[in-house]
PDB file of all heavy atoms in Angstrom:
ATOM      1  N   GLY A   1     101.990  56.987  80.511  1.00  0.00           N
ATOM      2  CA  GLY A   1     102.459  56.161  81.600  1.00  0.00           C
ATOM      3  C   GLY A   1     101.451  56.054  82.715  1.00  0.00           C
ATOM      4  O   GLY A   1     100.296  56.453  82.576  1.00  0.00           O
ATOM      5  N   LEU A   2     101.906  55.515  83.837  1.00  0.00           N
ATOM      6  CA  LEU A   2     101.092  55.331  85.027  1.00  0.00           C
ATOM      7  C   LEU A   2     101.488  56.351  86.078  1.00  0.00           C
ATOM      8  O   LEU A   2     102.668  56.451  86.439  1.00  0.00           O
ATOM      9  CB  LEU A   2     101.269  53.913  85.577  1.00  0.00           C
ATOM     10  CG  LEU A   2     100.621  53.598  86.921  1.00  0.00           C
ATOM     11  CD1 LEU A   2      99.109  53.693  86.822  1.00  0.00           C
ATOM     12  CD2 LEU A   2     101.045  52.218  87.398  1.00  0.00           C
ATOM     13  N   VAL A   3     100.512  57.107  86.567  1.00  0.00           N
ATOM     14  CA  VAL A   3     100.753  58.093  87.615  1.00  0.00           C
ATOM     15  C   VAL A   3      99.650  58.003  88.656  1.00  0.00           C
ATOM     16  O   VAL A   3      98.542  57.535  88.378  1.00  0.00           O
ATOM     17  CB  VAL A   3     100.835  59.533  87.074  1.00  0.00           C
ATOM     18  CG1 VAL A   3     102.020  59.699  86.133  1.00  0.00           C
ATOM     19  CG2 VAL A   3      99.539  59.914  86.377  1.00  0.00           C
ATOM     20  N   GLN A   4      99.946  58.475  89.857  1.00  0.00           N
ATOM     21  CA  GLN A   4      98.937  58.513  90.898  1.00  0.00           C
ATOM     22  C   GLN A   4      98.101  59.783  90.780  1.00  0.00           C
ATOM     23  O   GLN A   4      98.526  60.763  90.158  1.00  0.00           O
ATOM     24  CB  GLN A   4      99.589  58.427  92.272  1.00  0.00           C
ATOM     25  CG  GLN A   4     100.510  59.577  92.619  1.00  0.00           C
ATOM     26  CD  GLN A   4     101.164  59.399  93.971  1.00  0.00           C
ATOM     27  OE1 GLN A   4     100.970  58.389  94.645  1.00  0.00           O
ATOM     28  NE2 GLN A   4     101.944  60.377  94.387  1.00  0.00           N
ATOM     29  N   PRO A   5      96.900  59.787  91.344  1.00  0.00           N
ATOM     30  CA  PRO A   5      96.080  60.998  91.303  1.00  0.00           C
ATOM     31  C   PRO A   5      96.838  62.204  91.842  1.00  0.00           C
ATOM     32  O   PRO A   5      97.534  62.124  92.854  1.00  0.00           O
ATOM     33  CB  PRO A   5      94.885  60.649  92.187  1.00  0.00           C
ATOM     34  CG  PRO A   5      94.773  59.167  92.069  1.00  0.00           C
ATOM     35  CD  PRO A   5      96.196  58.668  91.992  1.00  0.00           C
ATOM     36  N   GLY A   6      96.696  63.328  91.144  1.00  0.00           N
ATOM     37  CA  GLY A   6      97.410  64.542  91.499  1.00  0.00           C
ATOM     38  C   GLY A   6      98.753  64.687  90.815  1.00  0.00           C
ATOM     39  O   GLY A   6      99.368  65.755  90.898  1.00  0.00           O
ATOM     40  N   GLY A   7      99.201  63.645  90.139  1.00  0.00           N
ATOM     41  CA  GLY A   7     100.477  63.675  89.461  1.00  0.00           C
ATOM     42  C   GLY A   7     100.406  64.372  88.118  1.00  0.00           C
ATOM     43  O   GLY A   7      99.365  64.887  87.711  1.00  0.00           O
ATOM     44  N   SER A   8     101.546  64.362  87.419  1.00  0.00           N
ATOM     45  CA  SER A   8     101.665  65.062  86.145  1.00  0.00           C
ATOM     46  C   SER A   8     102.321  64.181  85.092  1.00  0.00           C
ATOM     47  O   SER A   8     103.134  63.303  85.404  1.00  0.00           O
ATOM     48  CB  SER A   8     102.495  66.340  86.306  1.00  0.00           C
ATOM     49  OG  SER A   8     101.888  67.252  87.195  1.00  0.00           O
ATOM     50  N   LEU A   9     101.961  64.430  83.850  1.00  0.00           N
ATOM     51  CA  LEU A   9     102.586  63.814  82.695  1.00  0.00           C
ATOM     52  C   LEU A   9     102.672  64.845  81.583  1.00  0.00           C
ATOM     53  O   LEU A   9     101.857  65.770  81.524  1.00  0.00           O
ATOM     54  CB  LEU A   9     101.797  62.608  82.187  1.00  0.00           C
ATOM     55  CG  LEU A   9     101.871  61.301  82.963  1.00  0.00           C
ATOM     56  CD1 LEU A   9     100.882  60.302  82.357  1.00  0.00           C
ATOM     57  CD2 LEU A   9     103.273  60.728  82.937  1.00  0.00           C
ATOM     58  N   ARG A  10     103.639  64.653  80.704  1.00  0.00           N
ATOM     59  CA  ARG A  10     103.773  65.506  79.534  1.00  0.00           C
ATOM     60  C   ARG A  10     103.822  64.634  78.287  1.00  0.00           C
ATOM     61  O   ARG A  10     104.744  63.833  78.121  1.00  0.00           O
ATOM     62  CB  ARG A  10     105.033  66.360  79.612  1.00  0.00           C
ATOM     63  CG  ARG A  10     105.150  67.413  78.506  1.00  0.00           C
ATOM     64  CD  ARG A  10     106.537  67.993  78.467  1.00  0.00           C
ATOM     65  NE  ARG A  10     106.662  69.128  77.573  1.00  0.00           N
ATOM     66  CZ  ARG A  10     107.779  69.468  76.950  1.00  0.00           C
ATOM     67  NH1 ARG A  10     108.888  68.773  77.135  1.00  0.00           N
ATOM     68  NH2 ARG A  10     107.806  70.527  76.158  1.00  0.00           N
ATOM     69  N   LEU A  11     102.832  64.795  77.425  1.00  0.00           N
ATOM     70  CA  LEU A  11     102.774  64.061  76.184  1.00  0.00           C
ATOM     71  C   LEU A  11     103.405  64.869  75.060  1.00  0.00           C
ATOM     72  O   LEU A  11     103.287  66.090  75.023  1.00  0.00           O
ATOM     73  CB  LEU A  11     101.330  63.726  75.806  1.00  0.00           C
ATOM     74  CG  LEU A  11     100.482  63.000  76.848  1.00  0.00           C
ATOM     75  CD1 LEU A  11      99.103  62.693  76.268  1.00  0.00           C
ATOM     76  CD2 LEU A  11     101.166  61.731  77.317  1.00  0.00           C
ATOM     77  N   SER A  12     104.056  64.167  74.144  1.00  0.00           N
ATOM     78  CA  SER A  12     104.658  64.796  72.981  1.00  0.00           C
ATOM     79  C   SER A  12     104.185  64.093  71.720  1.00  0.00           C
ATOM     80  O   SER A  12     103.964  62.885  71.713  1.00  0.00           O
ATOM     81  CB  SER A  12     106.191  64.735  73.046  1.00  0.00           C
ATOM     82  OG  SER A  12     106.691  65.411  74.178  1.00  0.00           O
ATOM     83  N   CYS A  13     104.053  64.850  70.654  1.00  0.00           N
ATOM     84  CA  CYS A  13     103.687  64.296  69.355  1.00  0.00           C
ATOM     85  C   CYS A  13     104.465  65.039  68.285  1.00  0.00           C
ATOM     86  O   CYS A  13     104.286  66.253  68.120  1.00  0.00           O
ATOM     87  CB  CYS A  13     102.179  64.422  69.121  1.00  0.00           C
ATOM     88  SG  CYS A  13     101.639  63.923  67.471  1.00  0.00           S
ATOM     89  N   ALA A  14     105.289  64.313  67.563  1.00  0.00           N
ATOM     90  CA  ALA A  14     106.124  64.900  66.525  1.00  0.00           C
ATOM     91  C   ALA A  14     105.657  64.448  65.149  1.00  0.00           C
ATOM     92  O   ALA A  14     105.491  63.251  64.899  1.00  0.00           O
ATOM     93  CB  ALA A  14     107.584  64.512  66.736  1.00  0.00           C
ATOM     94  N   ALA A  15     105.450  65.404  64.267  1.00  0.00           N
ATOM     95  CA  ALA A  15     105.059  65.120  62.891  1.00  0.00           C
ATOM     96  C   ALA A  15     106.288  65.151  61.992  1.00  0.00           C
ATOM     97  O   ALA A  15     107.157  66.015  62.134  1.00  0.00           O
ATOM     98  CB  ALA A  15     104.031  66.134  62.401  1.00  0.00           C
ATOM     99  N   SER A  16     106.350  64.213  61.070  1.00  0.00           N
ATOM    100  CA  SER A  16     107.459  64.163  60.136  1.00  0.00           C
ATOM    101  C   SER A  16     106.964  63.668  58.787  1.00  0.00           C
ATOM    102  O   SER A  16     105.875  63.111  58.676  1.00  0.00           O
ATOM    103  CB  SER A  16     108.583  63.257  60.654  1.00  0.00           C
ATOM    104  OG  SER A  16     108.132  61.922  60.796  1.00  0.00           O
ATOM    105  N   GLY A  17     107.789  63.860  57.763  1.00  0.00           N
ATOM    106  CA  GLY A  17     107.439  63.417  56.431  1.00  0.00           C
ATOM    107  C   GLY A  17     107.330  64.573  55.455  1.00  0.00           C
ATOM    108  O   GLY A  17     107.926  65.627  55.645  1.00  0.00           O
ATOM    109  N   SER A  18     106.555  64.361  54.412  1.00  0.00           N
ATOM    110  CA  SER A  18     106.409  65.351  53.347  1.00  0.00           C
ATOM    111  C   SER A  18     105.349  66.377  53.727  1.00  0.00           C
ATOM    112  O   SER A  18     104.198  66.315  53.276  1.00  0.00           O
ATOM    113  CB  SER A  18     106.057  64.660  52.033  1.00  0.00           C
ATOM    114  OG  SER A  18     107.056  63.728  51.659  1.00  0.00           O
ATOM    115  N   ILE A  19     105.750  67.331  54.547  1.00  0.00           N
ATOM    116  CA  ILE A  19     104.833  68.326  55.104  1.00  0.00           C
ATOM    117  C   ILE A  19     105.056  69.673  54.444  1.00  0.00           C
ATOM    118  O   ILE A  19     106.177  70.185  54.425  1.00  0.00           O
ATOM    119  CB  ILE A  19     105.024  68.451  56.623  1.00  0.00           C
ATOM    120  CG1 ILE A  19     104.710  67.123  57.312  1.00  0.00           C
ATOM    121  CG2 ILE A  19     104.144  69.570  57.176  1.00  0.00           C
ATOM    122  CD1 ILE A  19     105.073  67.105  58.776  1.00  0.00           C
ATOM    123  N   PHE A  20     103.967  70.236  53.940  1.00  0.00           N
ATOM    124  CA  PHE A  20     104.016  71.592  53.429  1.00  0.00           C
ATOM    125  C   PHE A  20     103.639  72.592  54.520  1.00  0.00           C
ATOM    126  O   PHE A  20     104.306  73.610  54.689  1.00  0.00           O
ATOM    127  CB  PHE A  20     103.103  71.754  52.207  1.00  0.00           C
ATOM    128  CG  PHE A  20     103.071  73.157  51.670  1.00  0.00           C
ATOM    129  CD1 PHE A  20     104.124  73.652  50.925  1.00  0.00           C
ATOM    130  CD2 PHE A  20     101.991  73.992  51.902  1.00  0.00           C
ATOM    131  CE1 PHE A  20     104.112  74.947  50.424  1.00  0.00           C
ATOM    132  CE2 PHE A  20     101.957  75.286  51.410  1.00  0.00           C
ATOM    133  CZ  PHE A  20     103.024  75.760  50.669  1.00  0.00           C
ATOM    134  N   SER A  21     102.570  72.285  55.246  1.00  0.00           N
ATOM    135  CA  SER A  21     102.147  73.142  56.341  1.00  0.00           C
ATOM    136  C   SER A  21     101.265  72.345  57.291  1.00  0.00           C
ATOM    137  O   SER A  21     100.684  71.328  56.918  1.00  0.00           O
ATOM    138  CB  SER A  21     101.388  74.374  55.837  1.00  0.00           C
ATOM    139  OG  SER A  21     100.161  74.005  55.242  1.00  0.00           O
ATOM    140  N   ILE A  22     101.167  72.827  58.534  1.00  0.00           N
ATOM    141  CA  ILE A  22     100.313  72.213  59.539  1.00  0.00           C
ATOM    142  C   ILE A  22      99.282  73.245  59.982  1.00  0.00           C
ATOM    143  O   ILE A  22      99.638  74.269  60.566  1.00  0.00           O
ATOM    144  CB  ILE A  22     101.118  71.710  60.744  1.00  0.00           C
ATOM    145  CG1 ILE A  22     102.147  70.673  60.292  1.00  0.00           C
ATOM    146  CG2 ILE A  22     100.191  71.125  61.800  1.00  0.00           C
ATOM    147  CD1 ILE A  22     103.019  70.144  61.404  1.00  0.00           C
ATOM    148  N   ALA A  23      98.023  72.972  59.703  1.00  0.00           N
ATOM    149  CA  ALA A  23      96.961  73.914  60.032  1.00  0.00           C
ATOM    150  C   ALA A  23      96.580  73.850  61.507  1.00  0.00           C
ATOM    151  O   ALA A  23      96.253  74.872  62.113  1.00  0.00           O
ATOM    152  CB  ALA A  23      95.728  73.654  59.167  1.00  0.00           C
ATOM    153  N   ALA A  24      96.601  72.647  62.080  1.00  0.00           N
ATOM    154  CA  ALA A  24      96.204  72.480  63.465  1.00  0.00           C
ATOM    155  C   ALA A  24      96.764  71.179  64.009  1.00  0.00           C
ATOM    156  O   ALA A  24      96.983  70.226  63.261  1.00  0.00           O
ATOM    157  CB  ALA A  24      94.678  72.486  63.613  1.00  0.00           C
ATOM    158  N   MET A  25      96.984  71.133  65.320  1.00  0.00           N
ATOM    159  CA  MET A  25      97.388  69.920  66.005  1.00  0.00           C
ATOM    160  C   MET A  25      96.590  69.835  67.293  1.00  0.00           C
ATOM    161  O   MET A  25      96.266  70.858  67.902  1.00  0.00           O
ATOM    162  CB  MET A  25      98.885  69.894  66.311  1.00  0.00           C
ATOM    163  CG  MET A  25      99.773  70.012  65.084  1.00  0.00           C
ATOM    164  SD  MET A  25     101.544  69.792  65.446  1.00  0.00           S
ATOM    165  CE  MET A  25     101.619  67.987  65.555  1.00  0.00           C
ATOM    166  N   GLY A  26      96.281  68.616  67.696  1.00  0.00           N
ATOM    167  CA  GLY A  26      95.500  68.461  68.905  1.00  0.00           C
ATOM    168  C   GLY A  26      95.607  67.079  69.505  1.00  0.00           C
ATOM    169  O   GLY A  26      96.281  66.191  68.976  1.00  0.00           O
ATOM    170  N   TRP A  27      94.933  66.929  70.639  1.00  0.00           N
ATOM    171  CA  TRP A  27      94.912  65.678  71.375  1.00  0.00           C
ATOM    172  C   TRP A  27      93.485  65.222  71.598  1.00  0.00           C
ATOM    173  O   TRP A  27      92.624  66.010  72.022  1.00  0.00           O
ATOM    174  CB  TRP A  27      95.606  65.828  72.732  1.00  0.00           C
ATOM    175  CG  TRP A  27      97.079  66.069  72.629  1.00  0.00           C
ATOM    176  CD1 TRP A  27      97.725  67.262  72.613  1.00  0.00           C
ATOM    177  CD2 TRP A  27      98.085  65.063  72.518  1.00  0.00           C
ATOM    178  NE1 TRP A  27      99.076  67.072  72.509  1.00  0.00           N
ATOM    179  CE2 TRP A  27      99.329  65.735  72.447  1.00  0.00           C
ATOM    180  CE3 TRP A  27      98.070  63.668  72.478  1.00  0.00           C
ATOM    181  CZ2 TRP A  27     100.539  65.046  72.332  1.00  0.00           C
ATOM    182  CZ3 TRP A  27      99.264  62.991  72.360  1.00  0.00           C
ATOM    183  CH2 TRP A  27     100.481  63.682  72.295  1.00  0.00           C
ATOM    184  N   TYR A  28      93.232  63.965  71.308  1.00  0.00           N
ATOM    185  CA  TYR A  28      91.983  63.293  71.614  1.00  0.00           C
ATOM    186  C   TYR A  28      92.252  62.205  72.638  1.00  0.00           C
ATOM    187  O   TYR A  28      93.391  61.772  72.818  1.00  0.00           O
ATOM    188  CB  TYR A  28      91.377  62.662  70.363  1.00  0.00           C
ATOM    189  CG  TYR A  28      90.823  63.644  69.355  1.00  0.00           C
ATOM    190  CD1 TYR A  28      91.672  64.407  68.557  1.00  0.00           C
ATOM    191  CD2 TYR A  28      89.450  63.794  69.184  1.00  0.00           C
ATOM    192  CE1 TYR A  28      91.168  65.300  67.623  1.00  0.00           C
ATOM    193  CE2 TYR A  28      88.934  64.682  68.247  1.00  0.00           C
ATOM    194  CZ  TYR A  28      89.806  65.423  67.472  1.00  0.00           C
ATOM    195  OH  TYR A  28      89.296  66.299  66.541  1.00  0.00           O
ATOM    196  N   ARG A  29      91.203  61.760  73.301  1.00  0.00           N
ATOM    197  CA  ARG A  29      91.353  60.624  74.203  1.00  0.00           C
ATOM    198  C   ARG A  29      90.116  59.744  74.132  1.00  0.00           C
ATOM    199  O   ARG A  29      89.025  60.207  73.820  1.00  0.00           O
ATOM    200  CB  ARG A  29      91.610  61.068  75.645  1.00  0.00           C
ATOM    201  CG  ARG A  29      90.442  61.783  76.315  1.00  0.00           C
ATOM    202  CD  ARG A  29      90.859  62.274  77.698  1.00  0.00           C
ATOM    203  NE  ARG A  29      89.774  62.970  78.379  1.00  0.00           N
ATOM    204  CZ  ARG A  29      89.912  63.612  79.534  1.00  0.00           C
ATOM    205  NH1 ARG A  29      91.094  63.640  80.142  1.00  0.00           N
ATOM    206  NH2 ARG A  29      88.859  64.215  80.081  1.00  0.00           N
ATOM    207  N   GLN A  30      90.325  58.473  74.422  1.00  0.00           N
ATOM    208  CA  GLN A  30      89.236  57.518  74.422  1.00  0.00           C
ATOM    209  C   GLN A  30      89.394  56.574  75.608  1.00  0.00           C
ATOM    210  O   GLN A  30      90.375  55.838  75.698  1.00  0.00           O
ATOM    211  CB  GLN A  30      89.194  56.721  73.121  1.00  0.00           C
ATOM    212  CG  GLN A  30      87.965  55.845  72.984  1.00  0.00           C
ATOM    213  CD  GLN A  30      87.757  55.369  71.561  1.00  0.00           C
ATOM    214  OE1 GLN A  30      88.700  55.287  70.780  1.00  0.00           O
ATOM    215  NE2 GLN A  30      86.516  55.065  71.219  1.00  0.00           N
ATOM    216  N   ALA A  31      88.434  56.631  76.503  1.00  0.00           N
ATOM    217  CA  ALA A  31      88.398  55.752  77.662  1.00  0.00           C
ATOM    218  C   ALA A  31      87.564  54.529  77.333  1.00  0.00           C
ATOM    219  O   ALA A  31      86.711  54.565  76.436  1.00  0.00           O
ATOM    220  CB  ALA A  31      87.823  56.491  78.866  1.00  0.00           C
ATOM    221  N   PRO A  32      87.774  53.429  78.053  1.00  0.00           N
ATOM    222  CA  PRO A  32      86.995  52.218  77.796  1.00  0.00           C
ATOM    223  C   PRO A  32      85.494  52.475  77.869  1.00  0.00           C
ATOM    224  O   PRO A  32      84.998  53.071  78.833  1.00  0.00           O
ATOM    225  CB  PRO A  32      87.448  51.263  78.905  1.00  0.00           C
ATOM    226  CG  PRO A  32      88.834  51.724  79.235  1.00  0.00           C
ATOM    227  CD  PRO A  32      88.787  53.218  79.103  1.00  0.00           C
ATOM    228  N   GLY A  33      84.772  52.042  76.847  1.00  0.00           N
ATOM    229  CA  GLY A  33      83.328  52.196  76.819  1.00  0.00           C
ATOM    230  C   GLY A  33      82.826  53.576  76.480  1.00  0.00           C
ATOM    231  O   GLY A  33      81.609  53.804  76.525  1.00  0.00           O
ATOM    232  N   LYS A  34      83.716  54.498  76.150  1.00  0.00           N
ATOM    233  CA  LYS A  34      83.316  55.865  75.844  1.00  0.00           C
ATOM    234  C   LYS A  34      83.755  56.258  74.440  1.00  0.00           C
ATOM    235  O   LYS A  34      84.653  55.653  73.860  1.00  0.00           O
ATOM    236  CB  LYS A  34      83.897  56.842  76.864  1.00  0.00           C
ATOM    237  CG  LYS A  34      83.385  56.655  78.278  1.00  0.00           C
ATOM    238  CD  LYS A  34      83.916  57.737  79.200  1.00  0.00           C
ATOM    239  CE  LYS A  34      83.366  57.594  80.600  1.00  0.00           C
ATOM    240  NZ  LYS A  34      83.875  58.660  81.504  1.00  0.00           N
ATOM    241  N   GLN A  35      83.103  57.287  73.919  1.00  0.00           N
ATOM    242  CA  GLN A  35      83.468  57.818  72.623  1.00  0.00           C
ATOM    243  C   GLN A  35      84.760  58.621  72.716  1.00  0.00           C
ATOM    244  O   GLN A  35      85.099  59.162  73.767  1.00  0.00           O
ATOM    245  CB  GLN A  35      82.352  58.704  72.071  1.00  0.00           C
ATOM    246  CG  GLN A  35      81.044  57.988  71.796  1.00  0.00           C
ATOM    247  CD  GLN A  35      80.002  58.919  71.206  1.00  0.00           C
ATOM    248  OE1 GLN A  35      80.286  60.072  70.881  1.00  0.00           O
ATOM    249  NE2 GLN A  35      78.796  58.411  71.058  1.00  0.00           N
ATOM    250  N   ARG A  36      85.465  58.685  71.603  1.00  0.00           N
ATOM    251  CA  ARG A  36      86.648  59.511  71.542  1.00  0.00           C
ATOM    252  C   ARG A  36      86.246  60.983  71.618  1.00  0.00           C
ATOM    253  O   ARG A  36      85.297  61.417  70.956  1.00  0.00           O
ATOM    254  CB  ARG A  36      87.424  59.231  70.255  1.00  0.00           C
ATOM    255  CG  ARG A  36      88.764  59.927  70.172  1.00  0.00           C
ATOM    256  CD  ARG A  36      89.553  59.471  68.951  1.00  0.00           C
ATOM    257  NE  ARG A  36      89.852  58.049  68.989  1.00  0.00           N
ATOM    258  CZ  ARG A  36      90.629  57.426  68.117  1.00  0.00           C
ATOM    259  NH1 ARG A  36      91.209  58.104  67.133  1.00  0.00           N
ATOM    260  NH2 ARG A  36      90.827  56.111  68.226  1.00  0.00           N
ATOM    261  N   GLU A  37      86.956  61.758  72.422  1.00  0.00           N
ATOM    262  CA  GLU A  37      86.647  63.164  72.588  1.00  0.00           C
ATOM    263  C   GLU A  37      87.879  64.027  72.369  1.00  0.00           C
ATOM    264  O   GLU A  37      89.008  63.610  72.633  1.00  0.00           O
ATOM    265  CB  GLU A  37      86.068  63.443  73.985  1.00  0.00           C
ATOM    266  CG  GLU A  37      87.056  63.254  75.121  1.00  0.00           C
ATOM    267  CD  GLU A  37      86.534  63.722  76.470  1.00  0.00           C
ATOM    268  OE1 GLU A  37      85.484  64.390  76.508  1.00  0.00           O
ATOM    269  OE2 GLU A  37      87.179  63.420  77.497  1.00  0.00           O
ATOM    270  N   LEU A  38      87.638  65.226  71.898  1.00  0.00           N
ATOM    271  CA  LEU A  38      88.706  66.206  71.751  1.00  0.00           C
ATOM    272  C   LEU A  38      89.062  66.757  73.120  1.00  0.00           C
ATOM    273  O   LEU A  38      88.198  67.256  73.844  1.00  0.00           O
ATOM    274  CB  LEU A  38      88.272  67.334  70.820  1.00  0.00           C
ATOM    275  CG  LEU A  38      89.268  68.489  70.655  1.00  0.00           C
ATOM    276  CD1 LEU A  38      90.533  68.023  69.955  1.00  0.00           C
ATOM    277  CD2 LEU A  38      88.627  69.643  69.881  1.00  0.00           C
TER     278      LEU A  38
END
C-alpha cells in the first residue's frame, strides 16, 4: 500500500498447493530502474 515516511506496513505471503516441504521463504524487491534484490 501507500504510507508516509516513518510509517509501517506488514506484508504476508501464503503458500498453498501440493507441498511436501518448504526449505526457505523470503522477500525480494525491485524499484524502477534497479535490479531485483533480496
